[in-house]
Protein backbone atom coordinates (compact mmCIF):
# COMPACT_ATOMS: atom_id res chain seq x y z
CA MET A 1 29.21 -17.92 -32.81
CA THR A 2 26.64 -15.87 -34.70
CA ASN A 3 25.06 -12.72 -33.38
CA GLU A 4 21.77 -14.54 -32.76
CA ALA A 5 23.47 -17.30 -30.75
CA GLY A 6 25.37 -14.71 -28.73
CA ALA A 7 22.16 -12.82 -28.05
CA GLU A 8 20.48 -16.02 -26.85
CA VAL A 9 23.36 -16.71 -24.47
CA LEU A 10 23.07 -13.19 -23.03
CA LYS A 11 19.29 -13.53 -22.65
CA GLU A 12 19.74 -16.82 -20.80
CA LYS A 13 22.31 -15.25 -18.46
CA GLU A 14 19.94 -12.34 -17.76
CA ARG A 15 17.09 -14.79 -17.09
CA LYS A 16 19.22 -16.73 -14.61
CA LYS A 17 20.32 -13.52 -12.89
CA LEU A 18 16.71 -12.32 -12.58
CA ASP A 19 15.61 -15.72 -11.24
CA LYS A 20 18.35 -15.55 -8.61
CA GLN A 21 17.21 -12.05 -7.56
CA LYS A 22 13.58 -13.21 -7.33
CA GLN A 23 14.63 -16.10 -5.10
CA ARG A 24 16.47 -13.71 -2.76
CA LEU A 25 13.43 -11.42 -2.64
CA ALA A 26 11.22 -14.35 -1.70
CA LEU A 27 13.59 -15.45 1.06
CA GLY A 28 13.66 -12.05 2.74
CA GLY A 29 16.50 -10.87 4.93
CA TYR A 30 18.70 -8.17 3.46
CA LEU A 31 18.37 -6.62 0.01
CA SER A 32 20.55 -4.53 -2.24
CA ALA A 33 19.23 -1.20 -3.54
CA ALA A 34 18.51 -2.85 -6.91
CA GLU A 35 16.53 -5.62 -5.24
CA ALA A 36 14.63 -3.06 -3.15
CA GLU A 37 13.78 -1.31 -6.41
CA LEU A 38 12.33 -4.53 -7.84
CA LEU A 39 10.29 -5.03 -4.69
CA THR A 40 8.91 -1.51 -4.28
CA GLY A 41 9.16 0.33 -7.58
CA ARG A 42 11.31 3.11 -6.06
CA THR A 43 14.44 3.83 -8.05
CA VAL A 44 17.91 2.73 -6.99
CA ALA A 45 18.85 6.41 -6.82
CA ALA A 46 16.04 7.08 -4.32
CA TRP A 47 17.18 4.18 -2.13
CA ARG A 48 20.80 5.36 -2.28
CA MET A 49 19.80 8.92 -1.38
CA ASP A 50 17.92 7.64 1.68
CA ILE A 51 20.96 5.57 2.65
CA ARG A 52 23.31 8.53 2.20
CA LYS A 53 21.06 10.82 4.26
CA ARG A 54 20.65 8.07 6.89
CA ARG A 55 16.88 8.00 6.59
CA ILE A 56 16.88 4.20 6.63
CA ALA A 57 18.86 1.61 8.54
CA ILE A 58 21.42 -0.42 6.60
CA VAL A 59 23.88 -3.22 7.12
CA LYS A 60 27.37 -2.92 5.64
CA ILE A 61 29.24 -6.09 4.79
CA GLY A 62 32.62 -4.98 3.54
CA ARG A 63 31.81 -2.60 0.71
CA GLN A 64 28.34 -4.01 0.16
CA VAL A 65 25.34 -2.16 1.55
CA ARG A 66 22.18 -4.12 2.35
CA ILE A 67 18.75 -2.88 3.40
CA PRO A 68 16.88 -5.01 5.93
CA ARG A 69 13.50 -6.17 4.66
CA SER A 70 12.00 -4.92 7.95
CA GLU A 71 13.19 -1.40 7.06
CA ILE A 72 11.46 -1.58 3.67
CA GLU A 73 8.27 -2.79 5.33
CA ARG A 74 8.52 0.06 7.86
CA LEU A 75 8.74 2.65 5.06
CA ILE A 76 5.69 1.15 3.38
CA ARG A 77 3.79 1.05 6.69
CA ASP A 78 4.75 4.65 7.62
CA GLY A 79 3.86 5.92 4.16
CA PHE A 80 0.35 4.44 4.23
CA ARG A 81 -2.39 7.05 4.12
CA PRO A 82 -5.99 5.81 4.39
CA ALA A 83 -8.51 6.86 1.79
CA VAL A 84 -10.77 9.80 2.62
CA ALA A 85 -14.38 9.96 1.50
CA VAL A 86 -15.14 12.76 -0.95
CA GLY A 87 -17.37 14.63 1.53
CA GLU A 88 -14.74 14.49 4.28
CA ARG A 89 -11.96 16.37 2.48
CA ARG A 90 -10.72 19.59 3.99
């Protein structure tokens, strides 16, 4: 196998992996820290820090840690700050 053929195989595997992650995100339920990163733009490290400091609820399945989609939506909802008109600033 040439380097180009090997690179194509790796790209195809990555594409399939990403498609699988996108399907899980669309279905909802419970997400890994990496999937939460794809959904929100926060880094995996930020999600793990919140998990470690128990700022967010999690579900442990064996060694796997999953974040409920409802918890992600709660963080987004709680972090929302409405816009303030320029004349109304303090």
